[in-house]
């Protein structure tokens, strides 16, 4: 059974970037008392839609099999109803002009300097 609130970390780009995001997410989840969910089910690492993070790593703070509700409250709100979409595809669809900009993903990411979000994800 899922227990929230959650921190969802989506995979994007290469392995180094993903590991940096996973470790940052682990720290942030601990600071904010959120359940960590790392999602690498995008086509870069998973050809069948399974979460590749669970295939490569075991993390007690990020147990496999957590189901993400489609109607969960999200921050940023732009993700609501889109949590199952791959981060790179979502970014390309909602803000293609910033896709190659190093700071372009800020519009689809949370501000990590805050720890007081009320949203579930």
PDB file of N, CA and C in Angstrom:
ATOM      1  N   UNK A   1       0.843  -1.186   0.000  1.00  0.00           N
ATOM      2  CA  UNK A   1       0.000   0.000   0.000  1.00  0.00           C
ATOM      3  C   UNK A   1       0.883   1.241   0.000  1.00  0.00           C
ATOM      4  N   UNK A   2       0.509   2.209  -0.805  1.00  0.00           N
ATOM      5  CA  UNK A   2       1.260   3.455  -0.885  1.00  0.00           C
ATOM      6  C   UNK A   2       0.937   4.347   0.301  1.00  0.00           C
ATOM      7  N   UNK A   3       1.939   5.065   0.778  1.00  0.00           N
ATOM      8  CA  UNK A   3       1.694   6.069   1.811  1.00  0.00           C
ATOM      9  C   UNK A   3       2.425   7.327   1.402  1.00  0.00           C
ATOM     10  N   UNK A   4       1.718   8.432   1.333  1.00  0.00           N
ATOM     11  CA  UNK A   4       2.303   9.670   0.852  1.00  0.00           C
ATOM     12  C   UNK A   4       2.590  10.596   1.989  1.00  0.00           C
ATOM     13  N   UNK A   5       3.141  11.732   1.717  1.00  0.00           N
ATOM     14  CA  UNK A   5       3.411  12.266   0.386  1.00  0.00           C
ATOM     15  C   UNK A   5       4.651  11.627  -0.246  1.00  0.00           C
ATOM     16  N   UNK A   6       4.808  11.854  -1.526  1.00  0.00           N
ATOM     17  CA  UNK A   6       5.851  11.229  -2.313  1.00  0.00           C
ATOM     18  C   UNK A   6       6.761  12.272  -2.949  1.00  0.00           C
ATOM     19  N   UNK A   7       7.945  11.818  -3.320  1.00  0.00           N
ATOM     20  CA  UNK A   7       8.830  12.587  -4.187  1.00  0.00           C
ATOM     21  C   UNK A   7       9.101  11.695  -5.384  1.00  0.00           C
ATOM     22  N   UNK A   8       8.652  12.116  -6.538  1.00  0.00           N
ATOM     23  CA  UNK A   8       8.843  11.365  -7.773  1.00  0.00           C
ATOM     24  C   UNK A   8      10.027  11.951  -8.521  1.00  0.00           C
ATOM     25  N   UNK A   9      11.028  11.117  -8.774  1.00  0.00           N
ATOM     26  CA  UNK A   9      12.220  11.527  -9.521  1.00  0.00           C
ATOM     27  C   UNK A   9      12.180  10.784 -10.853  1.00  0.00           C
ATOM     28  N   UNK A  10      12.032  11.530 -11.927  1.00  0.00           N
ATOM     29  CA  UNK A  10      11.961  10.948 -13.265  1.00  0.00           C
ATOM     30  C   UNK A  10      13.354  10.886 -13.878  1.00  0.00           C
ATOM     31  N   UNK A  11      13.606   9.833 -14.633  1.00  0.00           N
ATOM     32  CA  UNK A  11      14.876   9.714 -15.343  1.00  0.00           C
ATOM     33  C   UNK A  11      14.895  10.580 -16.583  1.00  0.00           C
ATOM     34  N   UNK A  12      16.092  11.118 -16.859  1.00  0.00           N
ATOM     35  CA  UNK A  12      16.266  11.905 -18.073  1.00  0.00           C
ATOM     36  C   UNK A  12      17.749  11.941 -18.393  1.00  0.00           C
ATOM     37  N   UNK A  13      18.077  11.906 -19.650  1.00  0.00           N
ATOM     38  CA  UNK A  13      19.464  11.988 -20.108  1.00  0.00           C
ATOM     39  C   UNK A  13      20.250  10.745 -19.711  1.00  0.00           C
ATOM     40  N   UNK A  14      21.552  10.917 -19.427  1.00  0.00           N
ATOM     41  CA  UNK A  14      22.443   9.780 -19.217  1.00  0.00           C
ATOM     42  C   UNK A  14      22.495   9.283 -17.791  1.00  0.00           C
ATOM     43  N   UNK A  15      23.313   8.256 -17.594  1.00  0.00           N
ATOM     44  CA  UNK A  15      23.397   7.601 -16.301  1.00  0.00           C
ATOM     45  C   UNK A  15      23.918   8.537 -15.210  1.00  0.00           C
ATOM     46  N   UNK A  16      24.921   9.344 -15.513  1.00  0.00           N
ATOM     47  CA  UNK A  16      25.458  10.275 -14.519  1.00  0.00           C
ATOM     48  C   UNK A  16      24.407  11.253 -14.028  1.00  0.00           C
ATOM     49  N   UNK A  17      23.647  11.818 -14.948  1.00  0.00           N
ATOM     50  CA  UNK A  17      22.573  12.737 -14.585  1.00  0.00           C
ATOM     51  C   UNK A  17      21.518  12.030 -13.743  1.00  0.00           C
ATOM     52  N   UNK A  18      21.175  10.821 -14.118  1.00  0.00           N
ATOM     53  CA  UNK A  18      20.162  10.067 -13.388  1.00  0.00           C
ATOM     54  C   UNK A  18      20.626   9.745 -11.972  1.00  0.00           C
ATOM     55  N   UNK A  19      21.883   9.362 -11.826  1.00  0.00           N
ATOM     56  CA  UNK A  19      22.397   9.055 -10.492  1.00  0.00           C
ATOM     57  C   UNK A  19      22.448  10.306  -9.622  1.00  0.00           C
ATOM     58  N   UNK A  20      22.851  11.430 -10.203  1.00  0.00           N
ATOM     59  CA  UNK A  20      22.856  12.689  -9.458  1.00  0.00           C
ATOM     60  C   UNK A  20      21.441  13.039  -9.001  1.00  0.00           C
ATOM     61  N   UNK A  21      20.469  12.903  -9.883  1.00  0.00           N
ATOM     62  CA  UNK A  21      19.073  13.191  -9.533  1.00  0.00           C
ATOM     63  C   UNK A  21      18.552  12.212  -8.485  1.00  0.00           C
ATOM     64  N   UNK A  22      18.913  10.938  -8.608  1.00  0.00           N
ATOM     65  CA  UNK A  22      18.465   9.938  -7.636  1.00  0.00           C
ATOM     66  C   UNK A  22      19.032  10.248  -6.251  1.00  0.00           C
ATOM     67  N   UNK A  23      20.303  10.590  -6.165  1.00  0.00           N
ATOM     68  CA  UNK A  23      20.921  10.903  -4.878  1.00  0.00           C
ATOM     69  C   UNK A  23      20.370  12.201  -4.294  1.00  0.00           C
ATOM     70  N   UNK A  24      20.147  13.188  -5.143  1.00  0.00           N
ATOM     71  CA  UNK A  24      19.529  14.438  -4.684  1.00  0.00           C
ATOM     72  C   UNK A  24      18.117  14.153  -4.177  1.00  0.00           C
ATOM     73  N   UNK A  25      17.383  13.337  -4.913  1.00  0.00           N
ATOM     74  CA  UNK A  25      16.035  12.961  -4.501  1.00  0.00           C
ATOM     75  C   UNK A  25      16.027  12.212  -3.186  1.00  0.00           C
ATOM     76  N   UNK A  26      16.992  11.332  -2.985  1.00  0.00           N
ATOM     77  CA  UNK A  26      17.084  10.583  -1.738  1.00  0.00           C
ATOM     78  C   UNK A  26      17.268  11.527  -0.556  1.00  0.00           C
ATOM     79  N   UNK A  27      18.158  12.486  -0.685  1.00  0.00           N
ATOM     80  CA  UNK A  27      18.387  13.460   0.378  1.00  0.00           C
ATOM     81  C   UNK A  27      17.142  14.320   0.609  1.00  0.00           C
ATOM     82  N   UNK A  28      16.554  14.810  -0.479  1.00  0.00           N
ATOM     83  CA  UNK A  28      15.371  15.669  -0.370  1.00  0.00           C
ATOM     84  C   UNK A  28      14.198  14.911   0.264  1.00  0.00           C
ATOM     85  N   UNK A  29      14.008  13.656  -0.125  1.00  0.00           N
ATOM     86  CA  UNK A  29      12.923  12.850   0.432  1.00  0.00           C
ATOM     87  C   UNK A  29      13.116  12.662   1.938  1.00  0.00           C
ATOM     88  N   UNK A  30      14.336  12.452   2.350  1.00  0.00           N
ATOM     89  CA  UNK A  30      14.607  12.301   3.791  1.00  0.00           C
ATOM     90  C   UNK A  30      14.345  13.605   4.532  1.00  0.00           C
ATOM     91  N   UNK A  31      14.765  14.731   3.946  1.00  0.00           N
ATOM     92  CA  UNK A  31      14.559  16.028   4.597  1.00  0.00           C
ATOM     93  C   UNK A  31      13.084  16.388   4.714  1.00  0.00           C
ATOM     94  N   UNK A  32      12.292  15.965   3.746  1.00  0.00           N
ATOM     95  CA  UNK A  32      10.883  16.353   3.701  1.00  0.00           C
ATOM     96  C   UNK A  32       9.933  15.249   4.153  1.00  0.00           C
ATOM     97  N   UNK A  33      10.484  14.124   4.586  1.00  0.00           N
ATOM     98  CA  UNK A  33       9.683  12.992   5.067  1.00  0.00           C
ATOM     99  C   UNK A  33       8.706  12.505   3.997  1.00  0.00           C
ATOM    100  N   UNK A  34       9.227  12.379   2.790  1.00  0.00           N
ATOM    101  CA  UNK A  34       8.433  11.890   1.660  1.00  0.00           C
ATOM    102  C   UNK A  34       8.916  10.509   1.245  1.00  0.00           C
ATOM    103  N   UNK A  35       8.015   9.728   0.696  1.00  0.00           N
ATOM    104  CA  UNK A  35       8.370   8.428   0.133  1.00  0.00           C
ATOM    105  C   UNK A  35       9.009   8.662  -1.226  1.00  0.00           C
ATOM    106  N   UNK A  36      10.201   8.147  -1.438  1.00  0.00           N
ATOM    107  CA  UNK A  36      10.919   8.345  -2.693  1.00  0.00           C
ATOM    108  C   UNK A  36      10.464   7.337  -3.734  1.00  0.00           C
ATOM    109  N   UNK A  37      10.179   7.846  -4.934  1.00  0.00           N
ATOM    110  CA  UNK A  37       9.850   7.014  -6.091  1.00  0.00           C
ATOM    111  C   UNK A  37      10.776   7.456  -7.219  1.00  0.00           C
ATOM    112  N   UNK A  38      11.644   6.558  -7.666  1.00  0.00           N
ATOM    113  CA  UNK A  38      12.540   6.863  -8.781  1.00  0.00           C
ATOM    114  C   UNK A  38      12.009   6.117  -9.994  1.00  0.00           C
ATOM    115  N   UNK A  39      11.708   6.860 -11.057  1.00  0.00           N
ATOM    116  CA  UNK A  39      11.072   6.310 -12.249  1.00  0.00           C
ATOM    117  C   UNK A  39      12.007   6.400 -13.446  1.00  0.00           C
ATOM    118  N   UNK A  40      12.548   5.245 -13.830  1.00  0.00           N
ATOM    119  CA  UNK A  40      13.366   5.147 -15.041  1.00  0.00           C
ATOM    120  C   UNK A  40      12.661   4.234 -16.047  1.00  0.00           C
ATOM    121  N   UNK A  41      11.378   4.433 -16.229  1.00  0.00           N
ATOM    122  CA  UNK A  41      10.624   3.591 -17.158  1.00  0.00           C
ATOM    123  C   UNK A  41      10.561   4.183 -18.563  1.00  0.00           C
ATOM    124  N   UNK A  42      11.329   5.248 -18.785  1.00  0.00           N
ATOM    125  CA  UNK A  42      11.350   5.898 -20.102  1.00  0.00           C
ATOM    126  C   UNK A  42      12.121   5.033 -21.101  1.00  0.00           C
ATOM    127  N   UNK A  43      11.949   5.290 -22.401  1.00  0.00           N
ATOM    128  CA  UNK A  43      12.571   4.448 -23.434  1.00  0.00           C
ATOM    129  C   UNK A  43      14.103   4.472 -23.466  1.00  0.00           C
ATOM    130  N   UNK A  44      14.751   5.431 -22.824  1.00  0.00           N
ATOM    131  CA  UNK A  44      16.217   5.478 -22.845  1.00  0.00           C
ATOM    132  C   UNK A  44      16.806   4.251 -22.153  1.00  0.00           C
ATOM    133  N   UNK A  45      16.216   3.819 -21.045  1.00  0.00           N
ATOM    134  CA  UNK A  45      16.727   2.676 -20.296  1.00  0.00           C
ATOM    135  C   UNK A  45      15.773   1.493 -20.244  1.00  0.00           C
ATOM    136  N   UNK A  46      14.548   1.662 -20.720  1.00  0.00           N
ATOM    137  CA  UNK A  46      13.569   0.585 -20.628  1.00  0.00           C
ATOM    138  C   UNK A  46      12.818   0.452 -21.945  1.00  0.00           C
ATOM    139  N   UNK A  47      13.022  -0.660 -22.607  1.00  0.00           N
ATOM    140  CA  UNK A  47      12.333  -0.869 -23.889  1.00  0.00           C
ATOM    141  C   UNK A  47      10.908  -1.371 -23.705  1.00  0.00           C
ATOM    142  N   UNK A  48      10.579  -1.849 -22.510  1.00  0.00           N
ATOM    143  CA  UNK A  48       9.235  -2.406 -22.297  1.00  0.00           C
ATOM    144  C   UNK A  48       8.411  -1.627 -21.275  1.00  0.00           C
ATOM    145  N   UNK A  49       8.876  -0.468 -20.825  1.00  0.00           N
ATOM    146  CA  UNK A  49       8.117   0.364 -19.901  1.00  0.00           C
ATOM    147  C   UNK A  49       8.278  -0.001 -18.437  1.00  0.00           C
ATOM    148  N   UNK A  50       9.085  -1.047 -18.137  1.00  0.00           N
ATOM    149  CA  UNK A  50       9.342  -1.382 -16.732  1.00  0.00           C
ATOM    150  C   UNK A  50      10.337  -0.385 -16.148  1.00  0.00           C
ATOM    151  N   UNK A  51      10.289  -0.222 -14.853  1.00  0.00           N
ATOM    152  CA  UNK A  51      11.184   0.719 -14.186  1.00  0.00           C
ATOM    153  C   UNK A  51      12.588   0.122 -14.104  1.00  0.00           C
ATOM    154  N   UNK A  52      13.507   0.622 -14.916  1.00  0.00           N
ATOM    155  CA  UNK A  52      14.867   0.098 -14.966  1.00  0.00           C
ATOM    156  C   UNK A  52      15.642   0.373 -13.683  1.00  0.00           C
ATOM    157  N   UNK A  53      15.266   1.388 -12.931  1.00  0.00           N
ATOM    158  CA  UNK A  53      15.956   1.651 -11.670  1.00  0.00           C
ATOM    159  C   UNK A  53      15.881   0.424 -10.764  1.00  0.00           C
ATOM    160  N   UNK A  54      14.709  -0.191 -10.710  1.00  0.00           N
ATOM    161  CA  UNK A  54      14.519  -1.368  -9.871  1.00  0.00           C
ATOM    162  C   UNK A  54      15.308  -2.577 -10.370  1.00  0.00           C
ATOM    163  N   UNK A  55      15.651  -2.599 -11.640  1.00  0.00           N
ATOM    164  CA  UNK A  55      16.440  -3.703 -12.189  1.00  0.00           C
ATOM    165  C   UNK A  55      17.918  -3.567 -11.840  1.00  0.00           C
ATOM    166  N   UNK A  56      18.401  -2.327 -11.724  1.00  0.00           N
ATOM    167  CA  UNK A  56      19.828  -2.085 -11.499  1.00  0.00           C
ATOM    168  C   UNK A  56      20.189  -1.837 -10.034  1.00  0.00           C
ATOM    169  N   UNK A  57      19.251  -1.321  -9.248  1.00  0.00           N
ATOM    170  CA  UNK A  57      19.567  -0.894  -7.889  1.00  0.00           C
ATOM    171  C   UNK A  57      18.538  -1.393  -6.887  1.00  0.00           C
ATOM    172  N   UNK A  58      19.000  -1.571  -5.659  1.00  0.00           N
ATOM    173  CA  UNK A  58      18.111  -1.847  -4.531  1.00  0.00           C
ATOM    174  C   UNK A  58      18.302  -0.703  -3.548  1.00  0.00           C
ATOM    175  N   UNK A  59      17.202  -0.066  -3.192  1.00  0.00           N
ATOM    176  CA  UNK A  59      17.252   1.079  -2.292  1.00  0.00           C
ATOM    177  C   UNK A  59      16.102   0.948  -1.299  1.00  0.00           C
ATOM    178  N   UNK A  60      16.440   0.774  -0.020  1.00  0.00           N
ATOM    179  CA  UNK A  60      15.404   0.598   1.003  1.00  0.00           C
ATOM    180  C   UNK A  60      14.488   1.812   1.108  1.00  0.00           C
ATOM    181  N   UNK A  61      14.978   2.984   0.744  1.00  0.00           N
ATOM    182  CA  UNK A  61      14.157   4.194   0.815  1.00  0.00           C
ATOM    183  C   UNK A  61      13.307   4.398  -0.435  1.00  0.00           C
ATOM    184  N   UNK A  62      13.481   3.527  -1.414  1.00  0.00           N
ATOM    185  CA  UNK A  62      12.727   3.616  -2.674  1.00  0.00           C
ATOM    186  C   UNK A  62      12.283   2.214  -3.082  1.00  0.00           C
ATOM    187  N   UNK A  63      11.307   1.645  -2.357  1.00  0.00           N
ATOM    188  CA  UNK A  63      10.894   0.276  -2.662  1.00  0.00           C
ATOM    189  C   UNK A  63      10.226   0.172  -4.031  1.00  0.00           C
ATOM    190  N   UNK A  64      10.439  -0.943  -4.731  1.00  0.00           N
ATOM    191  CA  UNK A  64       9.804  -1.118  -6.045  1.00  0.00           C
ATOM    192  C   UNK A  64       8.300  -1.331  -5.913  1.00  0.00           C
ATOM    193  N   UNK A  65       7.602  -1.071  -7.005  1.00  0.00           N
ATOM    194  CA  UNK A  65       6.187  -1.395  -7.075  1.00  0.00           C
ATOM    195  C   UNK A  65       5.220  -0.343  -6.573  1.00  0.00           C
ATOM    196  N   UNK A  66       5.687   0.855  -6.284  1.00  0.00           N
ATOM    197  CA  UNK A  66       4.762   1.899  -5.845  1.00  0.00           C
ATOM    198  C   UNK A  66       3.945   2.363  -7.049  1.00  0.00           C
ATOM    199  N   UNK A  67       2.650   2.364  -6.895  1.00  0.00           N
ATOM    200  CA  UNK A  67       1.734   2.767  -7.962  1.00  0.00           C
ATOM    201  C   UNK A  67       1.463   4.263  -7.830  1.00  0.00           C
ATOM    202  N   UNK A  68       1.648   4.975  -8.909  1.00  0.00           N
ATOM    203  CA  UNK A  68       1.427   6.416  -8.921  1.00  0.00           C
ATOM    204  C   UNK A  68       0.001   6.690  -9.376  1.00  0.00           C
ATOM    205  N   UNK A  69      -0.837   7.268  -8.513  1.00  0.00           N
ATOM    206  CA  UNK A  69      -2.215   7.564  -8.924  1.00  0.00           C
ATOM    207  C   UNK A  69      -2.256   8.630 -10.018  1.00  0.00           C
ATOM    208  N   UNK A  70      -3.059   8.414 -11.026  1.00  0.00           N
ATOM    209  CA  UNK A  70      -3.140   9.349 -12.152  1.00  0.00           C
ATOM    210  C   UNK A  70      -3.668  10.714 -11.739  1.00  0.00           C
ATOM    211  N   UNK A  71      -4.482  10.765 -10.692  1.00  0.00           N
ATOM    212  CA  UNK A  71      -5.107  12.025 -10.294  1.00  0.00           C
ATOM    213  C   UNK A  71      -4.428  12.679  -9.082  1.00  0.00           C
ATOM    214  N   UNK A  72      -3.207  12.284  -8.769  1.00  0.00           N
ATOM    215  CA  UNK A  72      -2.509  12.824  -7.596  1.00  0.00           C
ATOM    216  C   UNK A  72      -2.266  14.320  -7.751  1.00  0.00           C
ATOM    217  N   UNK A  73      -2.286  15.020  -6.622  1.00  0.00           N
ATOM    218  CA  UNK A  73      -1.922  16.438  -6.657  1.00  0.00           C
ATOM    219  C   UNK A  73      -0.413  16.526  -6.857  1.00  0.00           C
ATOM    220  N   UNK A  74       0.014  17.451  -7.691  1.00  0.00           N
ATOM    221  CA  UNK A  74       1.429  17.511  -8.075  1.00  0.00           C
ATOM    222  C   UNK A  74       1.985  18.922  -7.973  1.00  0.00           C
ATOM    223  N   UNK A  75       3.283  18.984  -7.820  1.00  0.00           N
ATOM    224  CA  UNK A  75       4.017  20.242  -7.880  1.00  0.00           C
ATOM    225  C   UNK A  75       5.193  19.999  -8.784  1.00  0.00           C
ATOM    226  N   UNK A  76       5.406  20.715  -9.851  1.00  0.00           N
ATOM    227  CA  UNK A  76       4.523  21.744 -10.382  1.00  0.00           C
ATOM    228  C   UNK A  76       3.235  21.155 -10.951  1.00  0.00           C
ATOM    229  N   UNK A  77       2.196  21.961 -10.903  1.00  0.00           N
ATOM    230  CA  UNK A  77       0.856  21.519 -11.289  1.00  0.00           C
ATOM    231  C   UNK A  77       0.786  21.032 -12.732  1.00  0.00           C
ATOM    232  N   UNK A  78       1.697  21.466 -13.570  1.00  0.00           N
ATOM    233  CA  UNK A  78       1.698  21.078 -14.985  1.00  0.00           C
ATOM    234  C   UNK A  78       1.805  19.562 -15.156  1.00  0.00           C
ATOM    235  N   UNK A  79       2.336  18.858 -14.155  1.00  0.00           N
ATOM    236  CA  UNK A  79       2.481  17.405 -14.229  1.00  0.00           C
ATOM    237  C   UNK A  79       1.183  16.657 -13.921  1.00  0.00           C
ATOM    238  N   UNK A  80       0.197  17.327 -13.340  1.00  0.00           N
ATOM    239  CA  UNK A  80      -1.034  16.623 -12.933  1.00  0.00           C
ATOM    240  C   UNK A  80      -1.659  15.898 -14.124  1.00  0.00           C
ATOM    241  N   UNK A  81      -1.909  14.623 -13.940  1.00  0.00           N
ATOM    242  CA  UNK A  81      -2.459  13.787 -15.000  1.00  0.00           C
ATOM    243  C   UNK A  81      -1.428  13.297 -15.997  1.00  0.00           C
ATOM    244  N   UNK A  82      -0.164  13.680 -15.815  1.00  0.00           N
ATOM    245  CA  UNK A  82       0.900  13.318 -16.760  1.00  0.00           C
ATOM    246  C   UNK A  82       2.060  12.588 -16.099  1.00  0.00           C
ATOM    247  N   UNK A  83       1.888  12.121 -14.876  1.00  0.00           N
ATOM    248  CA  UNK A  83       2.997  11.536 -14.121  1.00  0.00           C
ATOM    249  C   UNK A  83       3.558  10.260 -14.744  1.00  0.00           C
ATOM    250  N   UNK A  84       2.797   9.602 -15.595  1.00  0.00           N
ATOM    251  CA  UNK A  84       3.284   8.381 -16.227  1.00  0.00           C
ATOM    252  C   UNK A  84       4.081   8.656 -17.507  1.00  0.00           C
ATOM    253  N   UNK A  85       4.139   9.899 -17.924  1.00  0.00           N
ATOM    254  CA  UNK A  85       4.858  10.259 -19.147  1.00  0.00           C
ATOM    255  C   UNK A  85       6.351  10.391 -18.866  1.00  0.00           C
ATOM    256  N   UNK A  86       7.175  10.001 -19.821  1.00  0.00           N
ATOM    257  CA  UNK A  86       8.624  10.152 -19.684  1.00  0.00           C
ATOM    258  C   UNK A  86       8.966  11.639 -19.605  1.00  0.00           C
ATOM    259  N   UNK A  87       9.916  11.993 -18.763  1.00  0.00           N
ATOM    260  CA  UNK A  87      10.267  13.399 -18.549  1.00  0.00           C
ATOM    261  C   UNK A  87      10.695  14.086 -19.841  1.00  0.00           C
ATOM    262  N   UNK A  88      11.505  13.435 -20.647  1.00  0.00           N
ATOM    263  CA  UNK A  88      11.990  14.063 -21.883  1.00  0.00           C
ATOM    264  C   UNK A  88      10.843  14.287 -22.864  1.00  0.00           C
ATOM    265  N   UNK A  89       9.917  13.342 -22.952  1.00  0.00           N
ATOM    266  CA  UNK A  89       8.760  13.491 -23.839  1.00  0.00           C
ATOM    267  C   UNK A  89       7.827  14.588 -23.341  1.00  0.00           C
ATOM    268  N   UNK A  90       7.612  14.612 -22.029  1.00  0.00           N
ATOM    269  CA  UNK A  90       6.755  15.634 -21.440  1.00  0.00           C
ATOM    270  C   UNK A  90       7.347  17.019 -21.670  1.00  0.00           C
ATOM    271  N   UNK A  91       8.637  17.167 -21.417  1.00  0.00           N
ATOM    272  CA  UNK A  91       9.308  18.450 -21.620  1.00  0.00           C
ATOM    273  C   UNK A  91       9.212  18.880 -23.087  1.00  0.00           C
ATOM    274  N   UNK A  92       9.449  17.967 -23.995  1.00  0.00           N
ATOM    275  CA  UNK A  92       9.375  18.281 -25.427  1.00  0.00           C
ATOM    276  C   UNK A  92       7.962  18.710 -25.836  1.00  0.00           C
ATOM    277  N   UNK A  93       6.964  18.140 -25.193  1.00  0.00           N
ATOM    278  CA  UNK A  93       5.580  18.466 -25.535  1.00  0.00           C
ATOM    279  C   UNK A  93       5.133  19.798 -24.941  1.00  0.00           C
ATOM    280  N   UNK A  94       5.466  20.083 -23.683  1.00  0.00           N
ATOM    281  CA  UNK A  94       4.931  21.276 -23.025  1.00  0.00           C
ATOM    282  C   UNK A  94       5.813  22.512 -23.173  1.00  0.00           C
ATOM    283  N   UNK A  95       7.094  22.328 -23.411  1.00  0.00           N
ATOM    284  CA  UNK A  95       7.995  23.484 -23.507  1.00  0.00           C
ATOM    285  C   UNK A  95       9.172  23.170 -24.427  1.00  0.00           C
ATOM    286  N   UNK A  96       8.913  22.876 -25.709  1.00  0.00           N
ATOM    287  CA  UNK A  96       9.982  22.429 -26.611  1.00  0.00           C
ATOM    288  C   UNK A  96      11.086  23.454 -26.824  1.00  0.00           C
ATOM    289  N   UNK A  97      10.787  24.738 -26.678  1.00  0.00           N
ATOM    290  CA  UNK A  97      11.799  25.769 -26.913  1.00  0.00           C
ATOM    291  C   UNK A  97      12.947  25.697 -25.905  1.00  0.00           C
ATOM    292  N   UNK A  98      12.696  25.118 -24.730  1.00  0.00           N
ATOM    293  CA  UNK A  98      13.733  25.060 -23.693  1.00  0.00           C
ATOM    294  C   UNK A  98      14.350  23.673 -23.544  1.00  0.00           C
ATOM    295  N   UNK A  99      14.036  22.756 -24.431  1.00  0.00           N
ATOM    296  CA  UNK A  99      14.463  21.369 -24.294  1.00  0.00           C
ATOM    297  C   UNK A  99      15.980  21.230 -24.211  1.00  0.00           C
ATOM    298  N   UNK A 100      16.717  21.982 -24.986  1.00  0.00           N
ATOM    299  CA  UNK A 100      18.176  21.868 -24.995  1.00  0.00           C
ATOM    300  C   UNK A 100      18.865  22.887 -24.101  1.00  0.00           C
ATOM    301  N   UNK A 101      18.093  23.718 -23.435  1.00  0.00           N
ATOM    302  CA  UNK A 101      18.637  24.715 -22.521  1.00  0.00           C
ATOM    303  C   UNK A 101      18.921  24.046 -21.174  1.00  0.00           C
ATOM    304  N   UNK A 102      20.140  24.195 -20.619  1.00  0.00           N
ATOM    305  CA  UNK A 102      20.455  23.531 -19.342  1.00  0.00           C
ATOM    306  C   UNK A 102      19.517  23.907 -18.198  1.00  0.00           C
ATOM    307  N   UNK A 103      18.926  25.080 -18.240  1.00  0.00           N
ATOM    308  CA  UNK A 103      17.999  25.491 -17.175  1.00  0.00           C
ATOM    309  C   UNK A 103      16.543  25.334 -17.609  1.00  0.00           C
ATOM    310  N   UNK A 104      16.324  24.771 -18.779  1.00  0.00           N
ATOM    311  CA  UNK A 104      14.975  24.665 -19.334  1.00  0.00           C
ATOM    312  C   UNK A 104      14.032  23.755 -18.575  1.00  0.00           C
ATOM    313  N   UNK A 105      14.568  22.818 -17.815  1.00  0.00           N
ATOM    314  CA  UNK A 105      13.683  21.886 -17.101  1.00  0.00           C
ATOM    315  C   UNK A 105      13.160  22.455 -15.790  1.00  0.00           C
ATOM    316  N   UNK A 106      13.532  23.655 -15.451  1.00  0.00           N
ATOM    317  CA  UNK A 106      13.041  24.257 -14.206  1.00  0.00           C
ATOM    318  C   UNK A 106      11.517  24.385 -14.184  1.00  0.00           C
ATOM    319  N   UNK A 107      10.915  24.631 -15.339  1.00  0.00           N
ATOM    320  CA  UNK A 107       9.458  24.792 -15.399  1.00  0.00           C
ATOM    321  C   UNK A 107       8.715  23.495 -15.088  1.00  0.00           C
ATOM    322  N   UNK A 108       9.392  22.352 -15.229  1.00  0.00           N
ATOM    323  CA  UNK A 108       8.739  21.071 -14.956  1.00  0.00           C
ATOM    324  C   UNK A 108       9.342  20.385 -13.725  1.00  0.00           C
ATOM    325  N   UNK A 109      10.066  21.142 -12.907  1.00  0.00           N
ATOM    326  CA  UNK A 109      10.719  20.604 -11.714  1.00  0.00           C
ATOM    327  C   UNK A 109      10.308  21.403 -10.475  1.00  0.00           C
ATOM    328  N   UNK A 110      10.496  20.793  -9.305  1.00  0.00           N
ATOM    329  CA  UNK A 110      10.233  21.510  -8.064  1.00  0.00           C
ATOM    330  C   UNK A 110      11.452  22.341  -7.679  1.00  0.00           C
ATOM    331  N   UNK A 111      11.200  23.368  -6.895  1.00  0.00           N
ATOM    332  CA  UNK A 111      12.264  24.196  -6.347  1.00  0.00           C
ATOM    333  C   UNK A 111      12.785  23.487  -5.099  1.00  0.00           C
ATOM    334  N   UNK A 112      13.991  22.954  -5.175  1.00  0.00           N
ATOM    335  CA  UNK A 112      14.545  22.174  -4.075  1.00  0.00           C
ATOM    336  C   UNK A 112      14.968  23.020  -2.884  1.00  0.00           C
ATOM    337  N   UNK A 113      14.891  24.348  -3.007  1.00  0.00           N
ATOM    338  CA  UNK A 113      15.212  25.204  -1.862  1.00  0.00           C
ATOM    339  C   UNK A 113      14.030  25.303  -0.891  1.00  0.00           C
ATOM    340  N   UNK A 114      12.885  24.751  -1.285  1.00  0.00           N
ATOM    341  CA  UNK A 114      11.694  24.723  -0.422  1.00  0.00           C
ATOM    342  C   UNK A 114      11.461  23.295   0.062  1.00  0.00           C
ATOM    343  N   UNK A 115      10.973  23.156   1.290  1.00  0.00           N
ATOM    344  CA  UNK A 115      10.641  21.825   1.790  1.00  0.00           C
ATOM    345  C   UNK A 115       9.210  21.751   2.318  1.00  0.00           C
ATOM    346  N   UNK A 116       8.407  22.755   2.013  1.00  0.00           N
ATOM    347  CA  UNK A 116       7.071  22.844   2.597  1.00  0.00           C
ATOM    348  C   UNK A 116       5.934  22.629   1.598  1.00  0.00           C
ATOM    349  N   UNK A 117       6.159  21.826   0.568  1.00  0.00           N
ATOM    350  CA  UNK A 117       5.097  21.574  -0.402  1.00  0.00           C
ATOM    351  C   UNK A 117       4.012  20.704   0.219  1.00  0.00           C
ATOM    352  N   UNK A 118       2.761  20.995  -0.103  1.00  0.00           N
ATOM    353  CA  UNK A 118       1.638  20.225   0.420  1.00  0.00           C
ATOM    354  C   UNK A 118       1.149  19.163  -0.559  1.00  0.00           C
ATOM    355  N   UNK A 119       1.535  19.249  -1.822  1.00  0.00           N
ATOM    356  CA  UNK A 119       1.070  18.318  -2.834  1.00  0.00           C
ATOM    357  C   UNK A 119       1.556  16.889  -2.523  1.00  0.00           C
ATOM    358  N   UNK A 120       0.801  15.916  -3.028  1.00  0.00           N
ATOM    359  CA  UNK A 120       1.167  14.512  -2.819  1.00  0.00           C
ATOM    360  C   UNK A 120       2.453  14.146  -3.555  1.00  0.00           C
ATOM    361  N   UNK A 121       2.612  14.654  -4.791  1.00  0.00           N
ATOM    362  CA  UNK A 121       3.792  14.352  -5.626  1.00  0.00           C
ATOM    363  C   UNK A 121       4.455  15.630  -6.046  1.00  0.00           C
TER     364      UNK A 121
END
